[in-house]
């Protein structure tokens, strides 16, 4: 839920009064897909640092 709410298009401020309904629908869809209710994701992050001479 937290990951979905961190996206700008589904941020709580964008959903307004529809947030509760959205959260319930999403929760039901996720549990139908995986009844354990846990999703793991590996995220690879890279950083490139540079300096000017």
N, C-alpha and C. Protein backbone atom coordinates (compact mmCIF):
# COMPACT_ATOMS: atom_id res chain seq x y z
N UNK A 1 0.82 -1.17 0.00
CA UNK A 1 0.00 0.00 0.00
C UNK A 1 0.88 1.25 0.00
N UNK A 2 1.91 1.22 0.82
CA UNK A 2 2.77 2.39 0.93
C UNK A 2 3.45 2.73 -0.39
N UNK A 3 3.90 1.71 -1.11
CA UNK A 3 4.54 1.96 -2.40
C UNK A 3 3.55 2.61 -3.37
N UNK A 4 2.34 2.13 -3.40
CA UNK A 4 1.35 2.69 -4.31
C UNK A 4 1.02 4.13 -3.94
N UNK A 5 0.93 4.42 -2.65
CA UNK A 5 0.62 5.77 -2.21
C UNK A 5 1.80 6.72 -2.43
N UNK A 6 3.00 6.18 -2.68
CA UNK A 6 4.14 7.05 -2.93
C UNK A 6 4.21 7.53 -4.38
N UNK A 7 3.41 6.96 -5.25
CA UNK A 7 3.36 7.42 -6.64
C UNK A 7 2.52 8.68 -6.74
N UNK A 8 2.93 9.60 -7.58
CA UNK A 8 2.23 10.88 -7.67
C UNK A 8 0.78 10.72 -8.15
N UNK A 9 0.50 9.75 -9.00
CA UNK A 9 -0.85 9.59 -9.54
C UNK A 9 -1.80 8.87 -8.60
N UNK A 10 -1.28 8.25 -7.55
CA UNK A 10 -2.15 7.62 -6.55
C UNK A 10 -1.78 8.08 -5.14
N UNK A 11 -1.19 9.25 -5.04
CA UNK A 11 -0.87 9.82 -3.73
C UNK A 11 -2.18 10.15 -3.01
N UNK A 12 -2.19 10.05 -1.69
CA UNK A 12 -3.42 10.34 -0.94
C UNK A 12 -4.04 11.68 -1.30
N UNK A 13 -3.22 12.69 -1.54
CA UNK A 13 -3.76 14.00 -1.91
C UNK A 13 -4.49 14.00 -3.24
N UNK A 14 -4.04 13.17 -4.16
CA UNK A 14 -4.70 13.07 -5.46
C UNK A 14 -6.01 12.28 -5.37
N UNK A 15 -6.07 11.32 -4.46
CA UNK A 15 -7.26 10.49 -4.35
C UNK A 15 -8.37 11.18 -3.56
N UNK A 16 -7.98 12.07 -2.64
CA UNK A 16 -8.97 12.81 -1.87
C UNK A 16 -9.91 11.89 -1.11
N UNK A 17 -11.20 12.15 -1.22
CA UNK A 17 -12.20 11.37 -0.48
C UNK A 17 -12.36 9.96 -1.01
N UNK A 18 -11.75 9.66 -2.15
CA UNK A 18 -11.83 8.31 -2.73
C UNK A 18 -10.72 7.40 -2.22
N UNK A 19 -9.86 7.92 -1.33
CA UNK A 19 -8.73 7.14 -0.85
C UNK A 19 -9.17 5.82 -0.19
N UNK A 20 -10.15 5.88 0.68
CA UNK A 20 -10.61 4.68 1.38
C UNK A 20 -11.08 3.59 0.42
N UNK A 21 -11.88 3.98 -0.57
CA UNK A 21 -12.38 3.02 -1.55
C UNK A 21 -11.23 2.46 -2.39
N UNK A 22 -10.30 3.33 -2.78
CA UNK A 22 -9.14 2.88 -3.56
C UNK A 22 -8.32 1.88 -2.76
N UNK A 23 -8.06 2.21 -1.50
CA UNK A 23 -7.26 1.32 -0.66
C UNK A 23 -7.94 -0.03 -0.47
N UNK A 24 -9.22 -0.04 -0.26
CA UNK A 24 -9.94 -1.30 -0.08
C UNK A 24 -9.92 -2.14 -1.36
N UNK A 25 -10.15 -1.50 -2.51
CA UNK A 25 -10.12 -2.22 -3.79
C UNK A 25 -8.72 -2.78 -4.07
N UNK A 26 -7.70 -1.99 -3.81
CA UNK A 26 -6.34 -2.45 -4.04
C UNK A 26 -5.99 -3.60 -3.11
N UNK A 27 -6.35 -3.47 -1.85
CA UNK A 27 -6.07 -4.53 -0.87
C UNK A 27 -6.74 -5.84 -1.30
N UNK A 28 -7.98 -5.79 -1.73
CA UNK A 28 -8.70 -6.99 -2.17
C UNK A 28 -8.03 -7.61 -3.40
N UNK A 29 -7.62 -6.76 -4.35
CA UNK A 29 -6.97 -7.26 -5.56
C UNK A 29 -5.64 -7.92 -5.23
N UNK A 30 -4.87 -7.30 -4.34
CA UNK A 30 -3.57 -7.88 -3.97
C UNK A 30 -3.73 -9.20 -3.22
N UNK A 31 -4.69 -9.26 -2.32
CA UNK A 31 -4.92 -10.52 -1.59
C UNK A 31 -5.46 -11.62 -2.49
N UNK A 32 -6.24 -11.26 -3.50
CA UNK A 32 -6.71 -12.26 -4.46
C UNK A 32 -5.54 -12.81 -5.26
N UNK A 33 -4.57 -11.98 -5.53
CA UNK A 33 -3.39 -12.40 -6.29
C UNK A 33 -2.44 -13.23 -5.43
N UNK A 34 -2.25 -12.84 -4.17
CA UNK A 34 -1.36 -13.55 -3.26
C UNK A 34 -1.96 -13.49 -1.86
N UNK A 35 -2.67 -14.54 -1.44
CA UNK A 35 -3.34 -14.53 -0.14
C UNK A 35 -2.41 -14.32 1.05
N UNK A 36 -1.12 -14.57 0.88
CA UNK A 36 -0.17 -14.32 1.98
C UNK A 36 -0.03 -12.83 2.25
N UNK A 37 -0.34 -12.02 1.25
CA UNK A 37 -0.32 -10.58 1.43
C UNK A 37 1.06 -9.96 1.50
N UNK A 38 2.08 -10.68 1.05
CA UNK A 38 3.43 -10.13 1.09
C UNK A 38 4.04 -10.15 -0.30
N UNK A 39 4.64 -9.04 -0.67
CA UNK A 39 5.27 -8.90 -1.97
C UNK A 39 6.69 -8.40 -1.77
N UNK A 40 7.64 -9.10 -2.35
CA UNK A 40 9.04 -8.72 -2.25
C UNK A 40 9.50 -8.18 -3.59
N UNK A 41 10.33 -7.16 -3.55
CA UNK A 41 10.87 -6.57 -4.76
C UNK A 41 12.32 -6.17 -4.50
N UNK A 42 13.17 -6.55 -5.41
CA UNK A 42 14.57 -6.14 -5.31
C UNK A 42 14.73 -4.88 -6.15
N UNK A 43 15.24 -3.85 -5.53
CA UNK A 43 15.44 -2.59 -6.23
C UNK A 43 16.94 -2.32 -6.30
N UNK A 44 17.41 -2.09 -7.49
CA UNK A 44 18.83 -1.79 -7.70
C UNK A 44 18.98 -0.28 -7.82
N UNK A 45 19.87 0.26 -7.04
CA UNK A 45 20.12 1.70 -7.06
C UNK A 45 21.58 1.95 -7.38
N UNK A 46 21.82 2.91 -8.25
CA UNK A 46 23.17 3.27 -8.62
C UNK A 46 23.34 4.77 -8.43
N UNK A 47 24.56 5.17 -8.16
CA UNK A 47 24.87 6.59 -8.04
C UNK A 47 26.14 6.88 -8.83
N UNK A 48 26.13 7.95 -9.58
CA UNK A 48 27.28 8.37 -10.34
C UNK A 48 27.70 9.72 -9.80
N UNK A 49 28.92 9.79 -9.31
CA UNK A 49 29.44 11.03 -8.76
C UNK A 49 30.54 11.55 -9.67
N UNK A 50 30.55 12.84 -9.89
CA UNK A 50 31.58 13.45 -10.73
C UNK A 50 31.96 14.80 -10.14
N UNK A 51 33.20 15.20 -10.42
CA UNK A 51 33.66 16.51 -9.98
C UNK A 51 34.29 17.20 -11.18
N UNK A 52 34.25 18.50 -11.13
CA UNK A 52 34.92 19.28 -12.18
C UNK A 52 36.35 19.56 -11.75
N UNK A 53 37.29 19.53 -12.69
CA UNK A 53 38.68 19.84 -12.32
C UNK A 53 38.84 21.33 -12.00
